[in-house]
Amino acid sequence: MKDEKGCRKCQVQGAVIRPSSFILHPSSFILGDRKMVFVLIAIAAFIGAFVGKGLLFPKGPVPVGEPTPRPQGEGWLDLLDAAHAGGWKNITDNKAIFELEDGTLHIFGRTLYPLRYVGYATEPFKNFDLHVEFKLARKTNSGVFLRSRPNDPVARGFEVQVLEDGGTPPTKNSCGAIYDVVTPMFNMSRPAGAWNSFDITVQDREVSVVMNGWMVIHTDFAKMTTPLGKFAIAYADLPLEGALALQDHGGEAWYRNIVIRKR
């Protein structure tokens, strides 16, 4: 209701409470009311922690996926077999950041900066179906970069995020996201040390991502005519051909069954 001066108020047991009652005046801080500051910081941290873990607002059931089988049939190329394994290089510098053993590409994750990339340097890819399986150590951050450029993989390609973040709500930076641009429908990450799979289809500017058997992304870059997220380039203007690369972001990651079929 309003009083005779037009000020909103509410009646609580005869008391008048005005909106200004809830505003902390700067003088509170100037006069040294530090306890209030610490209390507010503690409350904000407490609420943030519980929201982030989904404890303050409990989550409903979420899907549980399993890695999809390695594709078979005509047209699929195994990029980790004897004929293709030599195409993988550190495309950033000369530091030894990975090894290939028994059909598995192991990124050591020993350094965080500069970010480095293990790229398949033999040929670029345009339109394709890609199957890749990965497992991660705890807190590992990596990424599958597509249509990238060796001298600029971040800004001139796009990333399907690889992150050890199982059990958290999906965001534009969670596992399976088109990093910082498109949020997956679900976070399908399995626990650290468990294998996951991506089945990625790229046709011109249309991109779909299936993670552990569930479609989590289906998007059209052609509609993204202005910059999104932290990137200065509009995704509609990204190159339609480029290299396949895997990011070393300072955590151990293992990749296997990297198979691709050109469309």
C-alpha atoms as a PDB file:
ATOM      1  CA  MET A   1       0.000   0.000   0.000  1.00  0.00           C
ATOM      2  CA  LYS A   2       1.031   3.686  -0.098  1.00  0.00           C
ATOM      3  CA  ASP A   3       0.910   6.273   2.672  1.00  0.00           C
ATOM      4  CA  GLU A   4      -0.289   9.857   2.259  1.00  0.00           C
ATOM      5  CA  LYS A   5       3.089  10.872   0.791  1.00  0.00           C
ATOM      6  CA  GLY A   6       3.018   8.147  -1.868  1.00  0.00           C
ATOM      7  CA  CYS A   7       5.758   6.084  -0.213  1.00  0.00           C
ATOM      8  CA  ARG A   8       5.393   2.323  -0.419  1.00  0.00           C
ATOM      9  CA  LYS A   9       5.284   0.566   2.901  1.00  0.00           C
ATOM     10  CA  CYS A  10       4.042  -2.535   4.586  1.00  0.00           C
ATOM     11  CA  GLN A  11       2.470  -2.953   8.020  1.00  0.00           C
ATOM     12  CA  VAL A  12       4.097  -5.501  10.320  1.00  0.00           C
ATOM     13  CA  GLN A  13       2.509  -5.505  13.747  1.00  0.00           C
ATOM     14  CA  GLY A  14       1.919  -1.782  13.500  1.00  0.00           C
ATOM     15  CA  ALA A  15       5.441  -0.906  12.281  1.00  0.00           C
ATOM     16  CA  VAL A  16       6.137   0.846   8.989  1.00  0.00           C
ATOM     17  CA  ILE A  17       8.992  -0.628   6.901  1.00  0.00           C
ATOM     18  CA  ARG A  18      10.239   1.499   4.039  1.00  0.00           C
ATOM     19  CA  PRO A  19      12.436   0.265   1.140  1.00  0.00           C
ATOM     20  CA  SER A  20      15.214   2.566   2.331  1.00  0.00           C
ATOM     21  CA  SER A  21      15.348   0.458   5.492  1.00  0.00           C
ATOM     22  CA  PHE A  22      17.062  -2.279   3.468  1.00  0.00           C
ATOM     23  CA  ILE A  23      19.729  -0.032   1.960  1.00  0.00           C
ATOM     24  CA  LEU A  24      23.129  -0.015   3.647  1.00  0.00           C
ATOM     25  CA  HIS A  25      24.275   3.594   3.794  1.00  0.00           C
ATOM     26  CA  PRO A  26      27.935   4.187   2.852  1.00  0.00           C
ATOM     27  CA  SER A  27      28.451   5.768   6.258  1.00  0.00           C
ATOM     28  CA  SER A  28      28.096   2.293   7.775  1.00  0.00           C
ATOM     29  CA  PHE A  29      31.395   1.387   6.137  1.00  0.00           C
ATOM     30  CA  ILE A  30      33.020   4.774   6.588  1.00  0.00           C
ATOM     31  CA  LEU A  31      32.378   4.630  10.322  1.00  0.00           C
ATOM     32  CA  GLY A  32      34.151   1.305  10.493  1.00  0.00           C
ATOM     33  CA  ASP A  33      31.285  -1.167  10.795  1.00  0.00           C
ATOM     34  CA  ARG A  34      33.556  -3.945   9.579  1.00  0.00           C
ATOM     35  CA  LYS A  35      31.589  -6.721  11.232  1.00  0.00           C
ATOM     36  CA  MET A  36      28.668  -6.025   8.918  1.00  0.00           C
ATOM     37  CA  VAL A  37      30.972  -6.222   5.878  1.00  0.00           C
ATOM     38  CA  PHE A  38      32.375  -9.582   6.973  1.00  0.00           C
ATOM     39  CA  VAL A  39      28.903 -10.940   7.689  1.00  0.00           C
ATOM     40  CA  LEU A  40      27.681  -9.952   4.214  1.00  0.00           C
ATOM     41  CA  ILE A  41      30.737 -11.516   2.559  1.00  0.00           C
ATOM     42  CA  ALA A  42      30.268 -14.728   4.531  1.00  0.00           C
ATOM     43  CA  ILE A  43      26.570 -14.926   3.618  1.00  0.00           C
ATOM     44  CA  ALA A  44      27.333 -14.365  -0.085  1.00  0.00           C
ATOM     45  CA  ALA A  45      30.044 -17.049  -0.063  1.00  0.00           C
ATOM     46  CA  PHE A  46      27.762 -19.495   1.747  1.00  0.00           C
ATOM     47  CA  ILE A  47      24.890 -18.996  -0.706  1.00  0.00           C
ATOM     48  CA  GLY A  48      27.241 -19.147  -3.703  1.00  0.00           C
ATOM     49  CA  ALA A  49      28.733 -22.446  -2.560  1.00  0.00           C
ATOM     50  CA  PHE A  50      25.367 -24.080  -2.032  1.00  0.00           C
ATOM     51  CA  VAL A  51      23.914 -22.810  -5.323  1.00  0.00           C
ATOM     52  CA  GLY A  52      26.992 -23.996  -7.193  1.00  0.00           C
ATOM     53  CA  LYS A  53      26.659 -27.490  -5.766  1.00  0.00           C
ATOM     54  CA  GLY A  54      22.933 -27.622  -6.379  1.00  0.00           C
ATOM     55  CA  LEU A  55      22.242 -27.948  -2.649  1.00  0.00           C
ATOM     56  CA  LEU A  56      20.253 -24.784  -2.049  1.00  0.00           C
ATOM     57  CA  PHE A  57      17.839 -25.550  -4.871  1.00  0.00           C
ATOM     58  CA  PRO A  58      17.848 -29.371  -5.122  1.00  0.00           C
ATOM     59  CA  LYS A  59      18.141 -30.819  -8.606  1.00  0.00           C
ATOM     60  CA  GLY A  60      15.767 -33.299 -10.127  1.00  0.00           C
ATOM     61  CA  PRO A  61      16.876 -36.514 -11.818  1.00  0.00           C
ATOM     62  CA  VAL A  62      19.456 -36.117 -14.568  1.00  0.00           C
ATOM     63  CA  PRO A  63      20.326 -38.548 -17.368  1.00  0.00           C
ATOM     64  CA  VAL A  64      23.197 -40.973 -17.029  1.00  0.00           C
ATOM     65  CA  GLY A  65      25.036 -41.904 -20.195  1.00  0.00           C
ATOM     66  CA  GLU A  66      27.579 -44.430 -21.372  1.00  0.00           C
ATOM     67  CA  PRO A  67      30.271 -44.038 -24.044  1.00  0.00           C
ATOM     68  CA  THR A  68      29.026 -44.958 -27.489  1.00  0.00           C
ATOM     69  CA  PRO A  69      30.804 -47.739 -29.405  1.00  0.00           C
ATOM     70  CA  ARG A  70      33.539 -46.912 -31.861  1.00  0.00           C
ATOM     71  CA  PRO A  71      31.932 -46.522 -35.314  1.00  0.00           C
ATOM     72  CA  GLN A  72      32.535 -49.216 -37.899  1.00  0.00           C
ATOM     73  CA  GLY A  73      32.096 -49.301 -41.623  1.00  0.00           C
ATOM     74  CA  GLU A  74      33.231 -47.703 -44.822  1.00  0.00           C
ATOM     75  CA  GLY A  75      34.808 -44.262 -44.828  1.00  0.00           C
ATOM     76  CA  TRP A  76      35.980 -44.092 -41.214  1.00  0.00           C
ATOM     77  CA  LEU A  77      39.654 -43.176 -40.682  1.00  0.00           C
ATOM     78  CA  ASP A  78      41.410 -44.128 -37.448  1.00  0.00           C
ATOM     79  CA  LEU A  79      43.658 -41.156 -36.680  1.00  0.00           C
ATOM     80  CA  LEU A  80      45.567 -43.125 -34.041  1.00  0.00           C
ATOM     81  CA  ASP A  81      46.421 -46.221 -36.075  1.00  0.00           C
ATOM     82  CA  ALA A  82      49.888 -46.931 -37.474  1.00  0.00           C
ATOM     83  CA  ALA A  83      49.113 -45.185 -40.762  1.00  0.00           C
ATOM     84  CA  HIS A  84      47.965 -41.916 -39.150  1.00  0.00           C
ATOM     85  CA  ALA A  85      49.563 -41.670 -35.682  1.00  0.00           C
ATOM     86  CA  GLY A  86      52.597 -39.833 -37.057  1.00  0.00           C
ATOM     87  CA  GLY A  87      50.374 -36.890 -37.988  1.00  0.00           C
ATOM     88  CA  TRP A  88      49.989 -35.771 -34.367  1.00  0.00           C
ATOM     89  CA  LYS A  89      52.300 -32.934 -33.332  1.00  0.00           C
ATOM     90  CA  ASN A  90      52.672 -30.272 -30.687  1.00  0.00           C
ATOM     91  CA  ILE A  91      51.553 -27.416 -32.943  1.00  0.00           C
ATOM     92  CA  THR A  92      52.416 -24.725 -30.363  1.00  0.00           C
ATOM     93  CA  ASP A  93      56.135 -25.206 -29.695  1.00  0.00           C
ATOM     94  CA  ASN A  94      58.758 -27.943 -29.335  1.00  0.00           C
ATOM     95  CA  LYS A  95      57.952 -29.044 -25.791  1.00  0.00           C
ATOM     96  CA  ALA A  96      57.167 -32.738 -25.258  1.00  0.00           C
ATOM     97  CA  ILE A  97      53.559 -32.590 -24.033  1.00  0.00           C
ATOM     98  CA  PHE A  98      52.123 -35.961 -25.102  1.00  0.00           C
ATOM     99  CA  GLU A  99      52.842 -39.549 -26.000  1.00  0.00           C
ATOM    100  CA  LEU A 100      51.153 -42.184 -28.146  1.00  0.00           C
ATOM    101  CA  GLU A 101      51.041 -45.691 -26.768  1.00  0.00           C
ATOM    102  CA  ASP A 102      48.812 -48.673 -27.587  1.00  0.00           C
ATOM    103  CA  GLY A 103      46.342 -46.536 -29.529  1.00  0.00           C
ATOM    104  CA  THR A 104      45.965 -43.926 -26.781  1.00  0.00           C
ATOM    105  CA  LEU A 105      47.122 -40.311 -26.931  1.00  0.00           C
ATOM    106  CA  HIS A 106      48.196 -39.219 -23.455  1.00  0.00           C
ATOM    107  CA  ILE A 107      48.521 -35.480 -22.704  1.00  0.00           C
ATOM    108  CA  PHE A 108      50.830 -35.065 -19.717  1.00  0.00           C
ATOM    109  CA  GLY A 109      49.294 -31.802 -18.462  1.00  0.00           C
ATOM    110  CA  ARG A 110      52.447 -30.712 -16.664  1.00  0.00           C
ATOM    111  CA  THR A 111      52.242 -27.000 -17.418  1.00  0.00           C
ATOM    112  CA  LEU A 112      49.340 -24.572 -17.552  1.00  0.00           C
ATOM    113  CA  TYR A 113      50.712 -21.622 -19.516  1.00  0.00           C
ATOM    114  CA  PRO A 114      51.180 -21.089 -22.308  1.00  0.00           C
ATOM    115  CA  LEU A 115      48.274 -23.226 -23.434  1.00  0.00           C
ATOM    116  CA  ARG A 116      49.511 -25.832 -25.888  1.00  0.00           C
ATOM    117  CA  TYR A 117      47.804 -27.950 -28.521  1.00  0.00           C
ATOM    118  CA  VAL A 118      48.318 -31.421 -29.915  1.00  0.00           C
ATOM    119  CA  GLY A 119      47.146 -31.188 -33.506  1.00  0.00           C
ATOM    120  CA  TYR A 120      46.631 -33.608 -36.350  1.00  0.00           C
ATOM    121  CA  ALA A 121      48.835 -31.756 -38.794  1.00  0.00           C
ATOM    122  CA  THR A 122      48.572 -34.000 -41.852  1.00  0.00           C
ATOM    123  CA  GLU A 123      45.389 -32.542 -43.340  1.00  0.00           C
ATOM    124  CA  PRO A 124      42.546 -30.125 -42.552  1.00  0.00           C
ATOM    125  CA  PHE A 125      38.903 -31.186 -42.276  1.00  0.00           C
ATOM    126  CA  LYS A 126      35.782 -29.406 -43.503  1.00  0.00           C
ATOM    127  CA  ASN A 127      32.541 -31.384 -43.066  1.00  0.00           C
ATOM    128  CA  PHE A 128      32.791 -34.589 -41.055  1.00  0.00           C
ATOM    129  CA  ASP A 129      31.553 -36.997 -38.420  1.00  0.00           C
ATOM    130  CA  LEU A 130      34.001 -37.381 -35.528  1.00  0.00           C
ATOM    131  CA  HIS A 131      34.039 -39.950 -32.752  1.00  0.00           C
ATOM    132  CA  VAL A 132      36.464 -39.458 -29.877  1.00  0.00           C
ATOM    133  CA  GLU A 133      36.768 -41.044 -26.443  1.00  0.00           C
ATOM    134  CA  PHE A 134      38.505 -39.419 -23.486  1.00  0.00           C
ATOM    135  CA  LYS A 135      39.139 -39.832 -19.789  1.00  0.00           C
ATOM    136  CA  LEU A 136      40.422 -37.208 -17.384  1.00  0.00           C
ATOM    137  CA  ALA A 137      42.316 -36.882 -14.145  1.00  0.00           C
ATOM    138  CA  ARG A 138      40.640 -34.869 -11.413  1.00  0.00           C
ATOM    139  CA  LYS A 139      40.127 -31.180 -12.264  1.00  0.00           C
ATOM    140  CA  THR A 140      41.507 -31.600 -15.785  1.00  0.00           C
ATOM    141  CA  ASN A 141      40.562 -29.008 -18.380  1.00  0.00           C
ATOM    142  CA  SER A 142      41.096 -29.846 -22.053  1.00  0.00           C
ATOM    143  CA  GLY A 143      39.185 -29.419 -25.293  1.00  0.00           C
ATOM    144  CA  VAL A 144      38.556 -30.769 -28.790  1.00  0.00           C
ATOM    145  CA  PHE A 145      39.290 -27.951 -31.257  1.00  0.00           C
ATOM    146  CA  LEU A 146      37.773 -28.138 -34.722  1.00  0.00           C
ATOM    147  CA  ARG A 147      38.535 -26.237 -37.929  1.00  0.00           C
ATOM    148  CA  SER A 148      41.345 -24.547 -36.027  1.00  0.00           C
ATOM    149  CA  ARG A 149      44.476 -22.790 -37.244  1.00  0.00           C
ATOM    150  CA  PRO A 150      47.873 -23.881 -35.864  1.00  0.00           C
ATOM    151  CA  ASN A 151      48.849 -20.252 -35.259  1.00  0.00           C
ATOM    152  CA  ASP A 152      45.478 -19.309 -33.731  1.00  0.00           C
ATOM    153  CA  PRO A 153      43.459 -22.366 -32.635  1.00  0.00           C
ATOM    154  CA  VAL A 154      41.225 -20.470 -30.211  1.00  0.00           C
ATOM    155  CA  ALA A 155      40.010 -17.519 -32.267  1.00  0.00           C
ATOM    156  CA  ARG A 156      39.977 -19.158 -35.705  1.00  0.00           C
ATOM    157  CA  GLY A 157      38.353 -22.449 -34.785  1.00  0.00           C
ATOM    158  CA  PHE A 158      35.870 -23.613 -32.167  1.00  0.00           C
ATOM    159  CA  GLU A 159      36.148 -25.788 -29.082  1.00  0.00           C
ATOM    160  CA  VAL A 160      34.003 -28.571 -27.710  1.00  0.00           C
ATOM    161  CA  GLN A 161      34.876 -28.288 -24.035  1.00  0.00           C
ATOM    162  CA  VAL A 162      36.461 -31.237 -22.234  1.00  0.00           C
ATOM    163  CA  LEU A 163      36.313 -30.801 -18.466  1.00  0.00           C
ATOM    164  CA  GLU A 164      36.226 -32.982 -15.351  1.00  0.00           C
ATOM    165  CA  ASP A 165      33.036 -31.516 -13.901  1.00  0.00           C
ATOM    166  CA  GLY A 166      30.630 -34.402 -13.374  1.00  0.00           C
ATOM    167  CA  GLY A 167      27.577 -33.699 -11.227  1.00  0.00           C
ATOM    168  CA  THR A 168      27.499 -29.948 -11.817  1.00  0.00           C
ATOM    169  CA  PRO A 169      24.775 -28.046 -13.704  1.00  0.00           C
ATOM    170  CA  PRO A 170      25.506 -27.424 -17.393  1.00  0.00           C
ATOM    171  CA  THR A 171      26.888 -24.024 -18.358  1.00  0.00           C
ATOM    172  CA  LYS A 172      28.433 -22.526 -21.466  1.00  0.00           C
ATOM    173  CA  ASN A 173      31.811 -23.633 -20.068  1.00  0.00           C
ATOM    174  CA  SER A 174      30.934 -27.161 -18.934  1.00  0.00           C
ATOM    175  CA  CYS A 175      31.937 -30.401 -20.609  1.00  0.00           C
ATOM    176  CA  GLY A 176      30.267 -30.779 -23.989  1.00  0.00           C
ATOM    177  CA  ALA A 177      29.703 -27.031 -24.449  1.00  0.00           C
ATOM    178  CA  ILE A 178      30.735 -25.076 -27.506  1.00  0.00           C
ATOM    179  CA  TYR A 179      33.074 -23.249 -25.216  1.00  0.00           C
ATOM    180  CA  ASP A 180      31.703 -19.950 -23.890  1.00  0.00           C
ATOM    181  CA  VAL A 181      29.052 -19.815 -26.633  1.00  0.00           C
ATOM    182  CA  VAL A 182      26.542 -22.715 -26.490  1.00  0.00           C
ATOM    183  CA  THR A 183      25.391 -24.486 -23.298  1.00  0.00           C
ATOM    184  CA  PRO A 184      24.758 -28.245 -23.513  1.00  0.00           C
ATOM    185  CA  MET A 185      21.298 -29.529 -22.621  1.00  0.00           C
ATOM    186  CA  PHE A 186      22.761 -31.820 -19.941  1.00  0.00           C
ATOM    187  CA  ASN A 187      26.123 -32.262 -18.265  1.00  0.00           C
ATOM    188  CA  MET A 188      26.853 -35.873 -19.198  1.00  0.00           C
ATOM    189  CA  SER A 189      30.352 -36.032 -17.678  1.00  0.00           C
ATOM    190  CA  ARG A 190      31.317 -39.277 -16.022  1.00  0.00           C
ATOM    191  CA  PRO A 191      33.623 -39.384 -12.969  1.00  0.00           C
ATOM    192  CA  ALA A 192      37.351 -38.757 -13.185  1.00  0.00           C
ATOM    193  CA  GLY A 193      39.121 -41.819 -14.569  1.00  0.00           C
ATOM    194  CA  ALA A 194      36.055 -43.054 -16.488  1.00  0.00           C
ATOM    195  CA  TRP A 195      35.891 -42.988 -20.275  1.00  0.00           C
ATOM    196  CA  ASN A 196      33.543 -40.565 -22.056  1.00  0.00           C
ATOM    197  CA  SER A 197      32.638 -40.216 -25.722  1.00  0.00           C
ATOM    198  CA  PHE A 198      31.804 -37.436 -28.136  1.00  0.00           C
ATOM    199  CA  ASP A 199      30.086 -37.994 -31.466  1.00  0.00           C
ATOM    200  CA  ILE A 200      30.366 -34.673 -33.280  1.00  0.00           C
ATOM    201  CA  THR A 201      28.838 -33.836 -36.644  1.00  0.00           C
ATOM    202  CA  VAL A 202      29.920 -30.724 -38.543  1.00  0.00           C
ATOM    203  CA  GLN A 203      28.129 -29.798 -41.775  1.00  0.00           C
ATOM    204  CA  ASP A 204      28.906 -26.314 -43.052  1.00  0.00           C
ATOM    205  CA  ARG A 205      27.855 -24.143 -40.077  1.00  0.00           C
ATOM    206  CA  GLU A 206      25.593 -26.693 -38.398  1.00  0.00           C
ATOM    207  CA  VAL A 207      27.117 -28.511 -35.435  1.00  0.00           C
ATOM    208  CA  SER A 208      25.772 -31.289 -33.220  1.00  0.00           C
ATOM    209  CA  VAL A 209      27.395 -32.943 -30.212  1.00  0.00           C
ATOM    210  CA  VAL A 210      26.336 -36.259 -28.699  1.00  0.00           C
ATOM    211  CA  MET A 211      28.021 -36.960 -25.358  1.00  0.00           C
ATOM    212  CA  ASN A 212      27.881 -40.423 -23.863  1.00  0.00           C
ATOM    213  CA  GLY A 213      24.902 -41.283 -26.062  1.00  0.00           C
ATOM    214  CA  TRP A 214      22.835 -38.129 -25.426  1.00  0.00           C
ATOM    215  CA  MET A 215      22.384 -35.244 -27.856  1.00  0.00           C
ATOM    216  CA  VAL A 216      23.501 -32.201 -25.875  1.00  0.00           C
ATOM    217  CA  ILE A 217      24.170 -29.624 -28.630  1.00  0.00           C
ATOM    218  CA  HIS A 218      22.503 -28.927 -31.971  1.00  0.00           C
ATOM    219  CA  THR A 219      23.256 -25.444 -33.188  1.00  0.00           C
ATOM    220  CA  ASP A 220      23.683 -23.356 -36.304  1.00  0.00           C
ATOM    221  CA  PHE A 221      26.652 -20.986 -36.394  1.00  0.00           C
ATOM    222  CA  ALA A 222      25.070 -19.201 -39.382  1.00  0.00           C
ATOM    223  CA  LYS A 223      22.696 -17.474 -36.940  1.00  0.00           C
ATOM    224  CA  MET A 224      25.579 -16.190 -34.806  1.00  0.00           C
ATOM    225  CA  THR A 225      26.267 -13.067 -36.840  1.00  0.00           C
ATOM    226  CA  THR A 226      27.573 -11.015 -33.915  1.00  0.00           C
ATOM    227  CA  PRO A 227      30.321 -11.953 -31.421  1.00  0.00           C
ATOM    228  CA  LEU A 228      29.224 -14.105 -28.482  1.00  0.00           C
ATOM    229  CA  GLY A 229      30.944 -15.000 -25.239  1.00  0.00           C
ATOM    230  CA  LYS A 230      34.492 -13.763 -24.926  1.00  0.00           C
ATOM    231  CA  PHE A 231      35.355 -14.105 -28.601  1.00  0.00           C
ATOM    232  CA  ALA A 232      35.760 -11.069 -30.840  1.00  0.00           C
ATOM    233  CA  ILE A 233      34.786 -12.936 -34.014  1.00  0.00           C
ATOM    234  CA  ALA A 234      31.212 -13.853 -34.957  1.00  0.00           C
ATOM    235  CA  TYR A 235      30.877 -17.620 -35.260  1.00  0.00           C
ATOM    236  CA  ALA A 236      29.087 -17.180 -38.583  1.00  0.00           C
ATOM    237  CA  ASP A 237      32.435 -15.915 -39.907  1.00  0.00           C
ATOM    238  CA  LEU A 238      34.604 -18.806 -38.701  1.00  0.00           C
ATOM    239  CA  PRO A 239      36.548 -20.714 -41.354  1.00  0.00           C
ATOM    240  CA  LEU A 240      34.750 -23.755 -42.804  1.00  0.00           C
ATOM    241  CA  GLU A 241      37.917 -25.850 -42.829  1.00  0.00           C
ATOM    242  CA  GLY A 242      40.786 -26.386 -40.432  1.00  0.00           C
ATOM    243  CA  ALA A 243      42.767 -28.708 -38.221  1.00  0.00           C
ATOM    244  CA  LEU A 244      41.695 -31.064 -35.445  1.00  0.00           C
ATOM    245  CA  ALA A 245      43.521 -30.310 -32.180  1.00  0.00           C
ATOM    246  CA  LEU A 246      43.432 -31.333 -28.520  1.00  0.00           C
ATOM    247  CA  GLN A 247      44.177 -28.807 -25.800  1.00  0.00           C
ATOM    248  CA  ASP A 248      46.751 -29.163 -23.045  1.00  0.00           C
ATOM    249  CA  HIS A 249      45.344 -26.983 -20.259  1.00  0.00           C
ATOM    250  CA  GLY A 250      47.451 -28.232 -17.384  1.00  0.00           C
ATOM    251  CA  GLY A 251      45.723 -31.522 -16.519  1.00  0.00           C
ATOM    252  CA  GLU A 252      46.236 -35.133 -17.541  1.00  0.00           C
ATOM    253  CA  ALA A 253      43.975 -36.372 -20.331  1.00  0.00           C
ATOM    254  CA  TRP A 254      43.817 -39.540 -22.378  1.00  0.00           C
ATOM    255  CA  TYR A 255      42.216 -39.833 -25.835  1.00  0.00           C
ATOM    256  CA  ARG A 256      41.497 -42.985 -27.815  1.00  0.00           C
ATOM    257  CA  ASN A 257      39.372 -44.173 -30.743  1.00  0.00           C
ATOM    258  CA  ILE A 258      39.681 -40.880 -32.601  1.00  0.00           C
ATOM    259  CA  VAL A 259      37.946 -41.799 -35.845  1.00  0.00           C
ATOM    260  CA  ILE A 260      36.646 -39.446 -38.504  1.00  0.00           C
ATOM    261  CA  ARG A 261      34.535 -39.755 -41.647  1.00  0.00           C
ATOM    262  CA  LYS A 262      34.455 -36.991 -44.213  1.00  0.00           C
ATOM    263  CA  ARG A 263      31.023 -35.879 -45.371  1.00  0.00           C
END
